């Protein structure tokens, strides 16, 4: 299997698959104009920053307040790490 990270595609044999169009577990990302993974990778965000983006983006369509609490958790981790510098 070959992976094309720039276009979010992978190749299996002669078939090209666009990974962004194959969401597992709902459509809360695939229906967006820009998916969080595109924004996160193009802006070279860290794991913690990416999770903030992911949870804030999907909260209305997936887990509601729980996703906002998860985003808040990652923000608190970022604050602690920045404060430790």
Protein backbone atom coordinates (compact mmCIF):
# COMPACT_ATOMS: atom_id res chain seq x y z
CA UNK A 1 0.00 0.00 0.00
CA UNK A 2 1.29 3.47 -0.91
CA UNK A 3 0.12 6.53 1.04
CA UNK A 4 -0.17 10.03 -0.43
CA UNK A 5 -0.23 12.29 2.64
CA UNK A 6 -0.62 15.50 0.65
CA UNK A 7 -3.89 14.37 -0.93
CA UNK A 8 -5.08 12.06 1.88
CA UNK A 9 -5.21 9.08 -0.45
CA UNK A 10 -3.83 5.59 -0.40
CA UNK A 11 -3.38 3.12 -3.19
CA UNK A 12 -4.28 -0.55 -2.93
CA UNK A 13 -3.26 -2.33 -6.08
CA UNK A 14 -4.64 -0.28 -8.95
CA UNK A 15 -7.37 1.39 -6.84
CA UNK A 16 -6.98 4.86 -5.31
CA UNK A 17 -8.92 5.46 -2.12
CA UNK A 18 -9.50 8.93 -0.66
CA UNK A 19 -9.25 8.38 3.08
CA UNK A 20 -11.18 11.59 3.82
CA UNK A 21 -14.25 10.14 2.14
CA UNK A 22 -14.15 6.95 4.19
CA UNK A 23 -15.17 8.02 7.67
CA UNK A 24 -15.83 5.26 10.17
CA UNK A 25 -18.57 5.89 12.73
CA UNK A 26 -20.75 8.70 11.39
CA UNK A 27 -20.48 11.73 9.14
CA UNK A 28 -19.60 14.44 11.65
CA UNK A 29 -16.31 15.18 9.81
CA UNK A 30 -16.96 14.19 6.21
CA UNK A 31 -19.82 16.67 5.84
CA UNK A 32 -17.56 19.63 6.74
CA UNK A 33 -16.06 21.97 4.14
CA UNK A 34 -12.63 21.41 5.73
CA UNK A 35 -12.08 18.36 7.89
CA UNK A 36 -10.14 18.81 11.13
CA UNK A 37 -7.38 16.47 9.97
CA UNK A 38 -6.76 18.71 6.94
CA UNK A 39 -6.52 21.84 9.08
CA UNK A 40 -4.39 20.12 11.73
CA UNK A 41 -1.85 18.63 9.32
CA UNK A 42 -1.58 21.65 7.02
CA UNK A 43 -0.89 23.88 10.03
CA UNK A 44 1.48 21.35 11.65
CA UNK A 45 -0.40 21.41 14.95
CA UNK A 46 0.63 19.23 17.86
CA UNK A 47 -1.37 16.27 19.12
CA UNK A 48 -2.85 18.37 21.94
CA UNK A 49 -3.73 21.28 19.64
CA UNK A 50 -5.25 18.89 17.11
CA UNK A 51 -7.51 17.33 19.71
CA UNK A 52 -8.83 20.76 20.72
CA UNK A 53 -9.73 21.43 17.07
CA UNK A 54 -11.25 17.96 16.64
CA UNK A 55 -13.49 18.07 19.71
CA UNK A 56 -14.66 21.66 19.26
CA UNK A 57 -15.48 20.98 15.61
CA UNK A 58 -17.58 17.88 16.24
CA UNK A 59 -19.33 18.58 19.55
CA UNK A 60 -22.71 19.60 18.07
CA UNK A 61 -22.90 16.49 15.87
CA UNK A 62 -21.44 13.84 18.15
CA UNK A 63 -21.09 14.01 21.94
CA UNK A 64 -22.26 17.51 22.89
CA UNK A 65 -20.93 18.87 26.18
CA UNK A 66 -18.72 15.81 26.68
CA UNK A 67 -16.68 16.79 23.61
CA UNK A 68 -16.37 20.35 24.94
CA UNK A 69 -15.10 18.93 28.22
CA UNK A 70 -12.54 16.87 26.31
CA UNK A 71 -11.44 19.97 24.40
CA UNK A 72 -11.15 21.81 27.71
CA UNK A 73 -9.01 18.98 29.10
CA UNK A 74 -6.56 19.33 26.20
CA UNK A 75 -6.53 23.12 26.61
CA UNK A 76 -5.69 22.65 30.30
CA UNK A 77 -2.85 20.30 29.35
CA UNK A 78 -1.52 22.91 26.92
CA UNK A 79 -1.72 25.60 29.62
CA UNK A 80 0.17 23.39 32.08
CA UNK A 81 2.87 22.60 29.52
CA UNK A 82 3.27 26.26 28.55
CA UNK A 83 3.41 27.27 32.21
CA UNK A 84 6.18 24.74 32.85
CA UNK A 85 8.48 26.37 30.26
